[in-house]
Protein backbone atom coordinates (compact mmCIF):
# COMPACT_ATOMS: atom_id res chain seq x y z
CA MET A 1 -24.23 -21.47 -17.21
CA SER A 2 -26.91 -22.13 -15.01
CA ILE A 3 -28.33 -18.66 -15.34
CA VAL A 4 -29.00 -19.62 -19.09
CA TYR A 5 -30.70 -22.98 -17.82
CA PHE A 6 -32.88 -21.04 -15.66
CA THR A 7 -33.81 -18.03 -18.28
CA LEU A 8 -34.54 -20.65 -20.89
CA VAL A 9 -36.74 -22.92 -18.43
CA ALA A 10 -38.66 -19.76 -17.19
CA ALA A 11 -39.58 -18.79 -20.72
CA ILE A 12 -40.77 -22.19 -21.72
CA LEU A 13 -42.62 -22.40 -18.54
CA TYR A 14 -44.06 -19.22 -19.14
CA LEU A 15 -45.45 -19.97 -22.44
CA PHE A 16 -46.98 -23.56 -21.36
CA SER A 17 -48.70 -22.03 -18.40
CA ASP A 18 -50.27 -19.72 -20.74
CA TRP A 19 -51.11 -22.64 -23.10
CA ALA A 20 -52.51 -24.68 -20.05
CA VAL A 21 -54.93 -21.82 -18.79
CA GLN A 22 -56.10 -21.27 -22.29
CA ARG A 23 -56.82 -25.28 -22.54
CA ALA A 24 -58.39 -25.31 -19.30
CA GLU A 25 -60.90 -22.54 -20.22
CA LEU A 26 -61.74 -24.09 -23.51
CA VAL A 27 -62.45 -27.32 -21.51
CA ALA A 28 -64.52 -25.36 -19.20
CA GLY A 29 -66.28 -23.45 -21.85
CA ARG A 30 -65.87 -20.02 -20.15
CA ARG A 31 -63.05 -17.66 -19.37
CA PHE A 32 -61.93 -17.96 -15.69
CA GLU A 33 -62.97 -15.01 -13.27
CA HIS A 34 -59.63 -15.17 -11.67
CA ARG A 35 -57.35 -16.06 -14.88
CA SER A 36 -54.30 -14.39 -13.57
CA LEU A 37 -54.49 -16.31 -10.36
CA VAL A 38 -54.81 -19.79 -11.97
CA PHE A 39 -51.86 -18.74 -14.38
CA PHE A 40 -49.65 -17.81 -11.46
CA CYS A 41 -50.44 -20.96 -9.41
CA ILE A 42 -49.48 -23.09 -12.49
CA LEU A 43 -46.29 -20.92 -13.14
CA PHE A 44 -45.37 -21.23 -9.37
CA ALA A 45 -45.87 -24.85 -9.24
CA LEU A 46 -43.89 -25.55 -12.33
CA ALA A 47 -41.06 -23.17 -11.40
CA LEU A 48 -40.69 -24.56 -7.91
CA THR A 49 -40.22 -28.12 -9.16
CA THR A 50 -38.04 -27.40 -12.24
CA PHE A 51 -35.80 -24.56 -10.62
CA THR A 52 -35.24 -27.01 -7.61
CA LEU A 53 -34.14 -29.85 -10.05
CA ILE A 54 -32.08 -27.46 -12.19
CA GLY A 55 -30.42 -26.33 -8.99
CA GLN A 56 -29.74 -29.71 -7.77
CA LEU A 57 -28.11 -30.77 -11.19
CA THR A 58 -26.00 -27.64 -11.57
CA SER A 59 -24.87 -27.62 -7.92
CA GLY A 60 -21.64 -29.25 -8.60
CA ASN A 61 -20.97 -26.76 -11.34
CA GLN A 62 -20.07 -23.61 -9.68
CA GLY A 63 -17.98 -22.32 -12.77
CA ILE A 64 -18.78 -18.96 -14.10
């Protein structure tokens, strides 16, 4: 069941990261030169924290 959680959260994080980059560009008033790097940093930081949390919450549930 945890694979479902990871997959759903990954999709949500992807969409949120894209929205965050677009919002930051709007506030800055320009398109970032290294847009993909900014996107990756946001996605990576969010994924590390949320995937760690999901892993800790589902560690007691090892059933398939």
